[in-house]
Amino acid sequence: MLSGLAQDSVIHDLKSITERIDLAALFPAAQRLEVELGSGDGTFLTTYAAAHPEVNFIGVERLLGRVRKTDRKARRGGLKNVRCVRIESAYFLEFLLPRHCVSAIHIYFPDPWPKRKHWRHRLINELFPGIVSRALRPDGTVFLRTDDLDYFNQMQEVFQASPLFLPVETPPEVAAVLTDFERGFNSQGIPTQRAAFQRA
């Protein structure tokens, strides 16, 4: 829970972590919803939301400093279609987000947990397609990016093995909006690995 929020803050102070969020009360306009899991400092979220005022966006981030950065960027941009929630991504997706309400889920540069003994901590595992499919609308899409080739291979294997999803192309307008991490990696010559999967 957060206290002392600015009156126009886009940070949503969760009143409960056992009840699903009331989306109608969260945004001033009832619009299509997209979610970014692990939204970092909000670079992608606020840039993409500014270009799409007809869509509502929720950024989910665990670290308070990053949530506050997103809040500042959204308020500076006057973005009424952005909200931030400070909580673990997997928990939010499975227990707080209403079922079948999201048209797109963006997951960019999640922690790769590179040591094999830590792979169990990865967000995207064999259970993930089932969890994400319950959040997505029937035509919903999950967009993935990482710099870690091993994790990227696992992401693809997990979704390709699921009968719930089909691979699709990432639209150029989505790929063109970079995250802060992505800019840093690309400047070092580290390429972005991208994939997208749509509910079958």
N, C-alpha and C. Protein backbone atom coordinates (compact mmCIF):
# COMPACT_ATOMS: atom_id res chain seq x y z
N MET A 1 0.84 -1.19 0.00
CA MET A 1 0.00 0.00 0.00
C MET A 1 0.88 1.26 0.00
N LEU A 2 0.40 2.28 -0.64
CA LEU A 2 1.13 3.54 -0.69
C LEU A 2 0.30 4.61 -0.02
N SER A 3 0.99 5.54 0.66
CA SER A 3 0.26 6.63 1.29
C SER A 3 0.89 7.95 0.88
N GLY A 4 0.16 9.03 1.05
CA GLY A 4 0.68 10.34 0.72
C GLY A 4 0.83 10.58 -0.77
N LEU A 5 -0.01 9.96 -1.59
CA LEU A 5 0.08 10.13 -3.02
C LEU A 5 -0.41 11.51 -3.43
N ALA A 6 0.22 12.06 -4.47
CA ALA A 6 -0.26 13.32 -5.01
C ALA A 6 -1.67 13.14 -5.54
N GLN A 7 -2.45 14.22 -5.48
CA GLN A 7 -3.86 14.10 -5.85
C GLN A 7 -4.05 13.61 -7.28
N ASP A 8 -3.13 14.02 -8.18
CA ASP A 8 -3.26 13.61 -9.58
C ASP A 8 -2.36 12.43 -9.92
N SER A 9 -1.87 11.73 -8.90
CA SER A 9 -0.98 10.60 -9.13
C SER A 9 -1.67 9.51 -9.93
N VAL A 10 -0.89 8.83 -10.79
CA VAL A 10 -1.44 7.71 -11.56
C VAL A 10 -1.20 6.38 -10.84
N ILE A 11 -0.56 6.44 -9.66
CA ILE A 11 -0.33 5.21 -8.90
C ILE A 11 -1.63 4.78 -8.23
N HIS A 12 -2.03 3.55 -8.49
CA HIS A 12 -3.26 3.03 -7.88
C HIS A 12 -2.91 2.37 -6.55
N ASP A 13 -3.44 2.93 -5.49
CA ASP A 13 -3.20 2.41 -4.14
C ASP A 13 -4.17 1.25 -3.90
N LEU A 14 -3.66 0.03 -3.93
CA LEU A 14 -4.50 -1.14 -3.77
C LEU A 14 -5.14 -1.17 -2.39
N LYS A 15 -6.46 -1.29 -2.36
CA LYS A 15 -7.18 -1.39 -1.08
C LYS A 15 -7.23 -2.83 -0.60
N SER A 16 -7.06 -3.76 -1.54
CA SER A 16 -7.11 -5.18 -1.22
C SER A 16 -6.18 -5.93 -2.17
N ILE A 17 -5.55 -6.98 -1.68
CA ILE A 17 -4.76 -7.83 -2.57
C ILE A 17 -5.42 -9.20 -2.75
N THR A 18 -6.71 -9.25 -2.42
CA THR A 18 -7.46 -10.49 -2.62
C THR A 18 -8.68 -10.29 -3.53
N GLU A 19 -9.02 -9.05 -3.83
CA GLU A 19 -10.17 -8.77 -4.70
C GLU A 19 -9.69 -8.21 -6.03
N ARG A 20 -10.36 -8.58 -7.10
CA ARG A 20 -9.96 -8.12 -8.43
C ARG A 20 -10.26 -6.63 -8.58
N ILE A 21 -9.42 -5.96 -9.33
CA ILE A 21 -9.51 -4.51 -9.52
C ILE A 21 -10.78 -4.16 -10.30
N ASP A 22 -11.42 -3.09 -9.89
CA ASP A 22 -12.59 -2.56 -10.59
C ASP A 22 -12.08 -1.59 -11.66
N LEU A 23 -12.00 -2.05 -12.88
CA LEU A 23 -11.44 -1.24 -13.96
C LEU A 23 -12.29 -0.01 -14.25
N ALA A 24 -13.59 -0.12 -14.06
CA ALA A 24 -14.48 1.02 -14.32
C ALA A 24 -14.17 2.18 -13.39
N ALA A 25 -13.69 1.87 -12.19
CA ALA A 25 -13.36 2.92 -11.22
C ALA A 25 -11.93 3.42 -11.37
N LEU A 26 -11.15 2.71 -12.16
CA LEU A 26 -9.72 3.02 -12.27
C LEU A 26 -9.44 4.12 -13.29
N PHE A 27 -10.20 4.16 -14.38
CA PHE A 27 -9.95 5.10 -15.46
C PHE A 27 -11.17 6.00 -15.70
N PRO A 28 -10.95 7.22 -16.16
CA PRO A 28 -12.08 8.12 -16.44
C PRO A 28 -12.90 7.70 -17.65
N ALA A 29 -12.29 6.94 -18.58
CA ALA A 29 -13.00 6.50 -19.79
C ALA A 29 -12.92 4.99 -19.91
N ALA A 30 -14.02 4.37 -20.32
CA ALA A 30 -14.05 2.93 -20.57
C ALA A 30 -13.47 2.67 -21.95
N GLN A 31 -12.25 2.14 -22.00
CA GLN A 31 -11.54 1.93 -23.25
C GLN A 31 -10.85 0.57 -23.24
N ARG A 32 -10.38 0.16 -24.37
CA ARG A 32 -9.57 -1.04 -24.48
C ARG A 32 -8.39 -0.95 -23.52
N LEU A 33 -8.00 -2.10 -22.94
CA LEU A 33 -6.95 -2.11 -21.92
C LEU A 33 -5.73 -2.90 -22.38
N GLU A 34 -4.54 -2.33 -22.11
CA GLU A 34 -3.29 -3.04 -22.29
C GLU A 34 -2.50 -2.95 -20.98
N VAL A 35 -1.66 -3.95 -20.73
CA VAL A 35 -0.91 -4.04 -19.48
C VAL A 35 0.56 -4.27 -19.80
N GLU A 36 1.44 -3.57 -19.07
CA GLU A 36 2.86 -3.87 -19.15
C GLU A 36 3.31 -4.45 -17.82
N LEU A 37 3.81 -5.66 -17.85
CA LEU A 37 4.31 -6.32 -16.65
C LEU A 37 5.80 -6.02 -16.51
N GLY A 38 6.19 -5.47 -15.37
CA GLY A 38 7.57 -5.05 -15.18
C GLY A 38 7.85 -3.80 -15.99
N SER A 39 7.11 -2.75 -15.70
CA SER A 39 7.13 -1.54 -16.53
C SER A 39 8.34 -0.64 -16.29
N GLY A 40 9.22 -1.00 -15.35
CA GLY A 40 10.46 -0.26 -15.14
C GLY A 40 10.20 1.20 -14.83
N ASP A 41 10.94 2.08 -15.50
CA ASP A 41 10.79 3.51 -15.24
C ASP A 41 9.68 4.14 -16.07
N GLY A 42 8.92 3.31 -16.79
CA GLY A 42 7.76 3.80 -17.53
C GLY A 42 8.06 4.38 -18.90
N THR A 43 9.27 4.19 -19.42
CA THR A 43 9.62 4.77 -20.72
C THR A 43 8.71 4.27 -21.82
N PHE A 44 8.58 2.94 -21.95
CA PHE A 44 7.69 2.39 -22.98
C PHE A 44 6.25 2.77 -22.68
N LEU A 45 5.83 2.55 -21.46
CA LEU A 45 4.43 2.74 -21.07
C LEU A 45 3.92 4.14 -21.39
N THR A 46 4.66 5.15 -20.95
CA THR A 46 4.19 6.52 -21.13
C THR A 46 4.31 6.99 -22.58
N THR A 47 5.35 6.54 -23.27
CA THR A 47 5.51 6.91 -24.68
C THR A 47 4.39 6.31 -25.52
N TYR A 48 4.12 5.02 -25.30
CA TYR A 48 3.10 4.34 -26.09
C TYR A 48 1.70 4.83 -25.72
N ALA A 49 1.48 5.11 -24.44
CA ALA A 49 0.18 5.61 -24.00
C ALA A 49 -0.10 7.00 -24.56
N ALA A 50 0.93 7.83 -24.66
CA ALA A 50 0.75 9.17 -25.22
C ALA A 50 0.34 9.10 -26.69
N ALA A 51 0.83 8.09 -27.39
CA ALA A 51 0.49 7.92 -28.81
C ALA A 51 -0.86 7.25 -29.01
N HIS A 52 -1.41 6.68 -27.93
CA HIS A 52 -2.69 5.95 -28.03
C HIS A 52 -3.64 6.36 -26.91
N PRO A 53 -4.16 7.57 -26.97
CA PRO A 53 -5.08 8.03 -25.92
C PRO A 53 -6.39 7.25 -25.90
N GLU A 54 -6.65 6.49 -26.96
CA GLU A 54 -7.89 5.71 -27.03
C GLU A 54 -7.77 4.36 -26.31
N VAL A 55 -6.63 4.12 -25.70
CA VAL A 55 -6.37 2.86 -24.99
C VAL A 55 -5.99 3.18 -23.55
N ASN A 56 -6.48 2.38 -22.60
CA ASN A 56 -6.05 2.50 -21.20
C ASN A 56 -4.87 1.55 -20.96
N PHE A 57 -3.94 1.98 -20.10
CA PHE A 57 -2.74 1.21 -19.83
C PHE A 57 -2.50 1.09 -18.33
N ILE A 58 -2.14 -0.13 -17.90
CA ILE A 58 -1.71 -0.36 -16.52
C ILE A 58 -0.26 -0.84 -16.57
N GLY A 59 0.60 -0.17 -15.80
CA GLY A 59 1.97 -0.62 -15.64
C GLY A 59 2.12 -1.28 -14.29
N VAL A 60 2.69 -2.48 -14.27
CA VAL A 60 2.88 -3.23 -13.04
C VAL A 60 4.37 -3.30 -12.74
N GLU A 61 4.75 -2.85 -11.57
CA GLU A 61 6.17 -2.80 -11.21
C GLU A 61 6.32 -2.99 -9.70
N ARG A 62 7.32 -3.74 -9.32
CA ARG A 62 7.52 -4.05 -7.89
C ARG A 62 8.32 -2.97 -7.16
N LEU A 63 9.26 -2.32 -7.85
CA LEU A 63 10.17 -1.38 -7.19
C LEU A 63 9.57 0.02 -7.09
N LEU A 64 9.51 0.55 -5.89
CA LEU A 64 8.86 1.83 -5.63
C LEU A 64 9.49 2.98 -6.41
N GLY A 65 10.81 3.02 -6.49
CA GLY A 65 11.48 4.09 -7.21
C GLY A 65 11.07 4.15 -8.67
N ARG A 66 10.94 3.00 -9.28
CA ARG A 66 10.53 2.94 -10.69
C ARG A 66 9.07 3.36 -10.85
N VAL A 67 8.23 2.93 -9.93
CA VAL A 67 6.82 3.33 -9.98
C VAL A 67 6.70 4.85 -9.90
N ARG A 68 7.48 5.46 -9.03
CA ARG A 68 7.43 6.92 -8.88
C ARG A 68 7.93 7.63 -10.13
N LYS A 69 8.92 7.06 -10.81
CA LYS A 69 9.39 7.65 -12.07
C LYS A 69 8.29 7.61 -13.12
N THR A 70 7.59 6.49 -13.20
CA THR A 70 6.48 6.38 -14.15
C THR A 70 5.40 7.40 -13.82
N ASP A 71 5.11 7.54 -12.55
CA ASP A 71 4.10 8.50 -12.11
C ASP A 71 4.47 9.91 -12.54
N ARG A 72 5.73 10.29 -12.35
CA ARG A 72 6.16 11.64 -12.74
C ARG A 72 6.05 11.83 -14.25
N LYS A 73 6.46 10.84 -15.02
CA LYS A 73 6.39 10.95 -16.48
C LYS A 73 4.94 11.06 -16.95
N ALA A 74 4.07 10.26 -16.38
CA ALA A 74 2.66 10.29 -16.79
C ALA A 74 2.00 11.61 -16.44
N ARG A 75 2.32 12.13 -15.25
CA ARG A 75 1.72 13.41 -14.84
C ARG A 75 2.27 14.57 -15.68
N ARG A 76 3.56 14.54 -15.97
CA ARG A 76 4.15 15.57 -16.85
C ARG A 76 3.50 15.56 -18.22
N GLY A 77 3.18 14.36 -18.70
CA GLY A 77 2.56 14.24 -20.02
C GLY A 77 1.05 14.42 -20.01
N GLY A 78 0.47 14.60 -18.81
CA GLY A 78 -0.98 14.76 -18.71
C GLY A 78 -1.74 13.54 -19.15
N LEU A 79 -1.18 12.36 -18.91
CA LEU A 79 -1.78 11.12 -19.40
C LEU A 79 -2.88 10.63 -18.45
N LYS A 80 -4.09 10.68 -18.92
CA LYS A 80 -5.24 10.22 -18.13
C LYS A 80 -5.50 8.72 -18.32
N ASN A 81 -4.81 8.12 -19.28
CA ASN A 81 -5.06 6.72 -19.63
C ASN A 81 -3.98 5.78 -19.07
N VAL A 82 -3.22 6.23 -18.07
CA VAL A 82 -2.16 5.42 -17.47
C VAL A 82 -2.41 5.27 -15.97
N ARG A 83 -2.23 4.04 -15.48
CA ARG A 83 -2.24 3.77 -14.05
C ARG A 83 -1.08 2.83 -13.74
N CYS A 84 -0.53 2.95 -12.54
CA CYS A 84 0.57 2.08 -12.09
C CYS A 84 0.12 1.31 -10.86
N VAL A 85 0.55 0.07 -10.78
CA VAL A 85 0.27 -0.75 -9.61
C VAL A 85 1.60 -1.33 -9.13
N ARG A 86 1.87 -1.17 -7.84
CA ARG A 86 3.11 -1.70 -7.28
C ARG A 86 2.84 -3.06 -6.64
N ILE A 87 3.22 -4.11 -7.37
CA ILE A 87 3.01 -5.48 -6.88
C ILE A 87 3.76 -6.42 -7.81
N GLU A 88 3.92 -7.66 -7.41
CA GLU A 88 4.56 -8.66 -8.26
C GLU A 88 3.68 -8.93 -9.49
N SER A 89 4.33 -9.02 -10.65
CA SER A 89 3.61 -9.17 -11.91
C SER A 89 2.76 -10.44 -11.97
N ALA A 90 3.33 -11.56 -11.59
CA ALA A 90 2.61 -12.83 -11.69
C ALA A 90 1.37 -12.82 -10.80
N TYR A 91 1.49 -12.27 -9.59
CA TYR A 91 0.36 -12.21 -8.68
C TYR A 91 -0.74 -11.31 -9.25
N PHE A 92 -0.34 -10.16 -9.76
CA PHE A 92 -1.31 -9.23 -10.34
C PHE A 92 -2.08 -9.90 -11.48
N LEU A 93 -1.36 -10.55 -12.33
CA LEU A 93 -1.97 -11.18 -13.51
C LEU A 93 -2.96 -12.26 -13.11
N GLU A 94 -2.59 -13.08 -12.14
CA GLU A 94 -3.42 -14.23 -11.80
C GLU A 94 -4.57 -13.90 -10.85
N PHE A 95 -4.36 -12.95 -9.93
CA PHE A 95 -5.33 -12.76 -8.86
C PHE A 95 -6.03 -11.39 -8.80
N LEU A 96 -5.45 -10.36 -9.41
CA LEU A 96 -6.04 -9.03 -9.29
C LEU A 96 -6.66 -8.50 -10.57
N LEU A 97 -6.19 -8.97 -11.70
CA LEU A 97 -6.72 -8.49 -12.97
C LEU A 97 -8.00 -9.26 -13.31
N PRO A 98 -9.08 -8.57 -13.66
CA PRO A 98 -10.30 -9.29 -14.05
C PRO A 98 -10.03 -10.22 -15.24
N ARG A 99 -10.77 -11.30 -15.31
CA ARG A 99 -10.57 -12.29 -16.37
C ARG A 99 -10.96 -11.72 -17.74
N HIS A 100 -10.16 -12.09 -18.73
CA HIS A 100 -10.43 -11.80 -20.14
C HIS A 100 -10.76 -10.32 -20.40
N CYS A 101 -9.93 -9.44 -19.83
CA CYS A 101 -10.21 -8.01 -19.97
C CYS A 101 -9.14 -7.26 -20.77
N VAL A 102 -8.04 -7.93 -21.08
CA VAL A 102 -6.89 -7.24 -21.66
C VAL A 102 -6.71 -7.59 -23.13
N SER A 103 -6.45 -6.59 -23.94
CA SER A 103 -6.23 -6.85 -25.37
C SER A 103 -4.76 -7.11 -25.68
N ALA A 104 -3.84 -6.61 -24.84
CA ALA A 104 -2.42 -6.87 -25.05
C ALA A 104 -1.67 -6.81 -23.73
N ILE A 105 -0.70 -7.70 -23.59
CA ILE A 105 0.19 -7.71 -22.44
C ILE A 105 1.61 -7.58 -22.96
N HIS A 106 2.32 -6.60 -22.44
CA HIS A 106 3.70 -6.32 -22.85
C HIS A 106 4.64 -6.79 -21.74
N ILE A 107 5.63 -7.61 -22.10
CA ILE A 107 6.61 -8.10 -21.13
C ILE A 107 7.99 -7.88 -21.75
N TYR A 108 8.67 -6.84 -21.28
CA TYR A 108 9.92 -6.44 -21.90
C TYR A 108 11.07 -6.51 -20.91
N PHE A 109 12.05 -7.32 -21.27
CA PHE A 109 13.28 -7.47 -20.50
C PHE A 109 13.03 -7.89 -19.04
N PRO A 110 12.24 -8.97 -18.86
CA PRO A 110 12.06 -9.48 -17.50
C PRO A 110 13.39 -10.05 -16.99
N ASP A 111 13.51 -10.14 -15.68
CA ASP A 111 14.74 -10.67 -15.07
C ASP A 111 15.00 -12.07 -15.64
N PRO A 112 16.16 -12.28 -16.29
CA PRO A 112 16.41 -13.59 -16.92
C PRO A 112 16.85 -14.68 -15.95
N TRP A 113 17.19 -14.31 -14.70
CA TRP A 113 17.68 -15.30 -13.75
C TRP A 113 18.63 -16.26 -14.49
N PRO A 114 19.81 -15.79 -14.89
CA PRO A 114 20.65 -16.56 -15.81
C PRO A 114 21.20 -17.87 -15.26
N LYS A 115 21.37 -18.00 -13.95
CA LYS A 115 21.87 -19.26 -13.42
C LYS A 115 20.78 -20.33 -13.46
N ARG A 116 21.15 -21.51 -13.95
CA ARG A 116 20.17 -22.58 -14.12
C ARG A 116 19.39 -22.88 -12.84
N LYS A 117 20.07 -22.83 -11.70
CA LYS A 117 19.39 -23.16 -10.44
C LYS A 117 18.33 -22.12 -10.06
N HIS A 118 18.35 -20.94 -10.74
CA HIS A 118 17.38 -19.89 -10.46
C HIS A 118 16.27 -19.80 -11.51
N TRP A 119 16.32 -20.66 -12.51
CA TRP A 119 15.33 -20.57 -13.61
C TRP A 119 13.89 -20.66 -13.11
N ARG A 120 13.69 -21.33 -11.98
CA ARG A 120 12.33 -21.48 -11.45
C ARG A 120 11.72 -20.13 -11.08
N HIS A 121 12.55 -19.09 -10.93
CA HIS A 121 12.06 -17.76 -10.58
C HIS A 121 11.59 -16.97 -11.81
N ARG A 122 11.86 -17.47 -13.00
CA ARG A 122 11.50 -16.72 -14.19
C ARG A 122 9.98 -16.55 -14.30
N LEU A 123 9.58 -15.36 -14.74
CA LEU A 123 8.15 -15.08 -14.90
C LEU A 123 7.52 -16.01 -15.92
N ILE A 124 8.20 -16.21 -17.03
CA ILE A 124 7.64 -17.02 -18.11
C ILE A 124 8.15 -18.45 -17.98
N ASN A 125 7.23 -19.34 -17.61
CA ASN A 125 7.54 -20.76 -17.45
C ASN A 125 6.39 -21.56 -18.05
N GLU A 126 6.38 -22.87 -17.86
CA GLU A 126 5.38 -23.71 -18.50
C GLU A 126 3.95 -23.42 -18.05
N LEU A 127 3.77 -22.81 -16.88
CA LEU A 127 2.43 -22.46 -16.39
C LEU A 127 1.94 -21.13 -16.92
N PHE A 128 2.85 -20.31 -17.42
CA PHE A 128 2.51 -18.94 -17.77
C PHE A 128 1.47 -18.80 -18.88
N PRO A 129 1.54 -19.58 -19.98
CA PRO A 129 0.51 -19.42 -21.01
C PRO A 129 -0.92 -19.58 -20.50
N GLY A 130 -1.14 -20.51 -19.58
CA GLY A 130 -2.47 -20.68 -19.02
C GLY A 130 -2.91 -19.49 -18.21
N ILE A 131 -1.98 -18.92 -17.43
CA ILE A 131 -2.30 -17.76 -16.61
C ILE A 131 -2.60 -16.54 -17.49
N VAL A 132 -1.75 -16.30 -18.48
CA VAL A 132 -1.92 -15.12 -19.32
C VAL A 132 -3.16 -15.24 -20.21
N SER A 133 -3.50 -16.46 -20.61
CA SER A 133 -4.69 -16.63 -21.47
C SER A 133 -5.97 -16.28 -20.73
N ARG A 134 -5.98 -16.45 -19.40
CA ARG A 134 -7.16 -16.11 -18.61
C ARG A 134 -7.32 -14.60 -18.42
N ALA A 135 -6.25 -13.87 -18.64
CA ALA A 135 -6.32 -12.40 -18.55
C ALA A 135 -6.66 -11.77 -19.90
N LEU A 136 -6.25 -12.42 -20.98
CA LEU A 136 -6.43 -11.86 -22.32
C LEU A 136 -7.84 -12.05 -22.86
N ARG A 137 -8.27 -11.10 -23.68
CA ARG A 137 -9.48 -11.27 -24.46
C ARG A 137 -9.23 -12.34 -25.52
N PRO A 138 -10.30 -12.87 -26.17
CA PRO A 138 -10.12 -13.94 -27.15
C PRO A 138 -9.13 -13.61 -28.26
N ASP A 139 -9.02 -12.34 -28.63
CA ASP A 139 -8.08 -11.95 -29.70
C ASP A 139 -6.82 -11.31 -29.12
N GLY A 140 -6.59 -11.48 -27.84
CA GLY A 140 -5.50 -10.79 -27.16
C GLY A 140 -4.12 -11.33 -27.53
N THR A 141 -3.12 -10.47 -27.35
CA THR A 141 -1.75 -10.78 -27.74
C THR A 141 -0.79 -10.49 -26.60
N VAL A 142 0.22 -11.34 -26.47
CA VAL A 142 1.30 -11.07 -25.53
C VAL A 142 2.56 -10.75 -26.34
N PHE A 143 3.18 -9.62 -26.02
CA PHE A 143 4.39 -9.18 -26.70
C PHE A 143 5.58 -9.36 -25.77
N LEU A 144 6.65 -9.98 -26.28
CA LEU A 144 7.82 -10.32 -25.48
C LEU A 144 9.08 -9.70 -26.08
N ARG A 145 9.96 -9.23 -25.19
CA ARG A 145 11.29 -8.77 -25.60
C ARG A 145 12.30 -9.13 -24.52
N THR A 146 13.50 -9.46 -24.96
CA THR A 146 14.60 -9.71 -24.02
C THR A 146 15.92 -9.57 -24.76
N ASP A 147 16.98 -9.37 -24.00
CA ASP A 147 18.32 -9.38 -24.57
C ASP A 147 19.00 -10.72 -24.34
N ASP A 148 18.37 -11.59 -23.53
CA ASP A 148 18.96 -12.86 -23.12
C ASP A 148 18.49 -13.98 -24.04
N LEU A 149 19.40 -14.48 -24.86
CA LEU A 149 19.02 -15.46 -25.88
C LEU A 149 18.50 -16.76 -25.27
N ASP A 150 19.09 -17.20 -24.17
CA ASP A 150 18.63 -18.43 -23.52
C ASP A 150 17.19 -18.27 -23.04
N TYR A 151 16.91 -17.15 -22.39
CA TYR A 151 15.54 -16.91 -21.90
C TYR A 151 14.59 -16.77 -23.08
N PHE A 152 15.04 -16.12 -24.15
CA PHE A 152 14.20 -15.96 -25.33
C PHE A 152 13.81 -17.33 -25.90
N ASN A 153 14.78 -18.23 -25.97
CA ASN A 153 14.47 -19.58 -26.46
C ASN A 153 13.45 -20.27 -25.58
N GLN A 154 13.57 -20.09 -24.26
CA GLN A 154 12.60 -20.69 -23.34
C GLN A 154 11.21 -20.08 -23.56
N MET A 155 11.15 -18.74 -23.70
CA MET A 155 9.87 -18.08 -23.96
C MET A 155 9.17 -18.67 -25.17
N GLN A 156 9.93 -18.82 -26.24
CA GLN A 156 9.34 -19.35 -27.48
C GLN A 156 8.89 -20.79 -27.31
N GLU A 157 9.71 -21.60 -26.67
CA GLU A 157 9.36 -23.00 -26.46
C GLU A 157 8.08 -23.14 -25.64
N VAL A 158 7.96 -22.32 -24.59
CA VAL A 158 6.80 -22.38 -23.71
C VAL A 158 5.53 -22.04 -24.47
N PHE A 159 5.55 -20.96 -25.26
CA PHE A 159 4.34 -20.55 -25.97
C PHE A 159 4.05 -21.44 -27.18
N GLN A 160 5.10 -21.91 -27.85
CA GLN A 160 4.87 -22.78 -29.01
C GLN A 160 4.32 -24.14 -28.60
N ALA A 161 4.62 -24.55 -27.36
CA ALA A 161 4.10 -25.82 -26.85
C ALA A 161 2.66 -25.73 -26.38
N SER A 162 2.16 -24.50 -26.25
CA SER A 162 0.80 -24.31 -25.73
C SER A 162 -0.22 -24.26 -26.86
N PRO A 163 -1.29 -25.04 -26.77
CA PRO A 163 -2.35 -24.97 -27.79
C PRO A 163 -3.19 -23.69 -27.67
N LEU A 164 -2.93 -22.91 -26.64
CA LEU A 164 -3.71 -21.70 -26.40
C LEU A 164 -3.24 -20.51 -27.23
N PHE A 165 -2.03 -20.61 -27.83
CA PHE A 165 -1.45 -19.47 -28.52
C PHE A 165 -0.89 -19.82 -29.89
N LEU A 166 -0.89 -18.82 -30.76
CA LEU A 166 -0.27 -18.92 -32.08
C LEU A 166 0.73 -17.78 -32.24
N PRO A 167 1.88 -18.04 -32.87
CA PRO A 167 2.86 -16.96 -33.08
C PRO A 167 2.36 -15.94 -34.10
N VAL A 168 2.62 -14.68 -33.83
CA VAL A 168 2.26 -13.59 -34.75
C VAL A 168 3.43 -12.61 -34.81
N GLU A 169 3.38 -11.70 -35.76
CA GLU A 169 4.42 -10.68 -35.89
C GLU A 169 4.16 -9.53 -34.92
N THR A 170 5.22 -8.95 -34.41
CA THR A 170 5.10 -7.73 -33.61
C THR A 170 4.89 -6.56 -34.56
N PRO A 171 3.81 -5.79 -34.40
CA PRO A 171 3.58 -4.65 -35.29
C PRO A 171 4.74 -3.65 -35.21
N PRO A 172 5.12 -3.05 -36.32
CA PRO A 172 6.23 -2.09 -36.32
C PRO A 172 6.04 -0.95 -35.33
N GLU A 173 4.79 -0.49 -35.16
CA GLU A 173 4.56 0.64 -34.25
C GLU A 173 4.81 0.26 -32.80
N VAL A 174 4.65 -1.02 -32.46
CA VAL A 174 4.97 -1.49 -31.11
C VAL A 174 6.48 -1.65 -30.96
N ALA A 175 7.10 -2.27 -31.95
CA ALA A 175 8.55 -2.51 -31.89
C ALA A 175 9.34 -1.21 -31.87
N ALA A 176 8.78 -0.16 -32.46
CA ALA A 176 9.51 1.11 -32.58
C ALA A 176 9.66 1.84 -31.25
N VAL A 177 8.80 1.54 -30.27
CA VAL A 177 8.87 2.21 -28.97
C VAL A 177 9.78 1.40 -28.06
N LEU A 178 10.94 1.95 -27.74
CA LEU A 178 11.95 1.24 -26.97
C LEU A 178 11.82 1.50 -25.48
N THR A 179 12.25 0.53 -24.68
CA THR A 179 12.33 0.73 -23.24
C THR A 179 13.68 1.35 -22.91
N ASP A 180 13.81 1.82 -21.68
CA ASP A 180 15.09 2.38 -21.23
C ASP A 180 16.18 1.32 -21.26
N PHE A 181 15.87 0.11 -20.77
CA PHE A 181 16.83 -1.00 -20.82
C PHE A 181 17.25 -1.29 -22.25
N GLU A 182 16.28 -1.29 -23.14
CA GLU A 182 16.54 -1.63 -24.54
C GLU A 182 17.51 -0.66 -25.19
N ARG A 183 17.32 0.63 -24.94
CA ARG A 183 18.24 1.63 -25.49
C ARG A 183 19.67 1.37 -25.01
N GLY A 184 19.79 1.05 -23.72
CA GLY A 184 21.11 0.78 -23.16
C GLY A 184 21.75 -0.44 -23.78
N PHE A 185 20.98 -1.53 -23.91
CA PHE A 185 21.52 -2.75 -24.51
C PHE A 185 21.90 -2.52 -25.97
N ASN A 186 21.00 -1.88 -26.73
CA ASN A 186 21.26 -1.65 -28.15
C ASN A 186 22.49 -0.78 -28.37
N SER A 187 22.70 0.20 -27.48
CA SER A 187 23.87 1.07 -27.61
C SER A 187 25.18 0.31 -27.40
N GLN A 188 25.09 -0.85 -26.72
CA GLN A 188 26.25 -1.71 -26.50
C GLN A 188 26.38 -2.78 -27.58
N GLY A 189 25.50 -2.71 -28.57
CA GLY A 189 25.53 -3.70 -29.64
C GLY A 189 24.79 -4.98 -29.32
N ILE A 190 24.03 -4.99 -28.23
CA ILE A 190 23.26 -6.18 -27.85
C ILE A 190 21.88 -6.08 -28.48
N PRO A 191 21.53 -7.01 -29.37
CA PRO A 191 20.25 -6.90 -30.09
C PRO A 191 19.06 -7.28 -29.23
N THR A 192 17.90 -6.78 -29.61
CA THR A 192 16.64 -7.14 -28.96
C THR A 192 16.06 -8.38 -29.61
N GLN A 193 15.68 -9.35 -28.79
CA GLN A 193 14.97 -10.53 -29.27
C GLN A 193 13.48 -10.28 -29.04
N ARG A 194 12.66 -10.43 -30.08
CA ARG A 194 11.23 -10.16 -29.98
C ARG A 194 10.40 -11.36 -30.42
N ALA A 195 9.26 -11.51 -29.75
CA ALA A 195 8.27 -12.51 -30.16
C ALA A 195 6.90 -12.02 -29.73
N ALA A 196 5.87 -12.52 -30.39
CA ALA A 196 4.49 -12.18 -30.03
C ALA A 196 3.62 -13.41 -30.27
N PHE A 197 2.65 -13.60 -29.37
CA PHE A 197 1.75 -14.74 -29.47
C PHE A 197 0.32 -14.28 -29.20
N GLN A 198 -0.58 -14.74 -30.05
CA GLN A 198 -2.00 -14.36 -29.93
C GLN A 198 -2.81 -15.56 -29.48
N ARG A 199 -3.82 -15.28 -28.66
CA ARG A 199 -4.70 -16.37 -28.21
C ARG A 199 -5.31 -17.06 -29.41
N ALA A 200 -5.22 -18.37 -29.40
CA ALA A 200 -5.72 -19.17 -30.54
C ALA A 200 -7.24 -19.22 -30.51
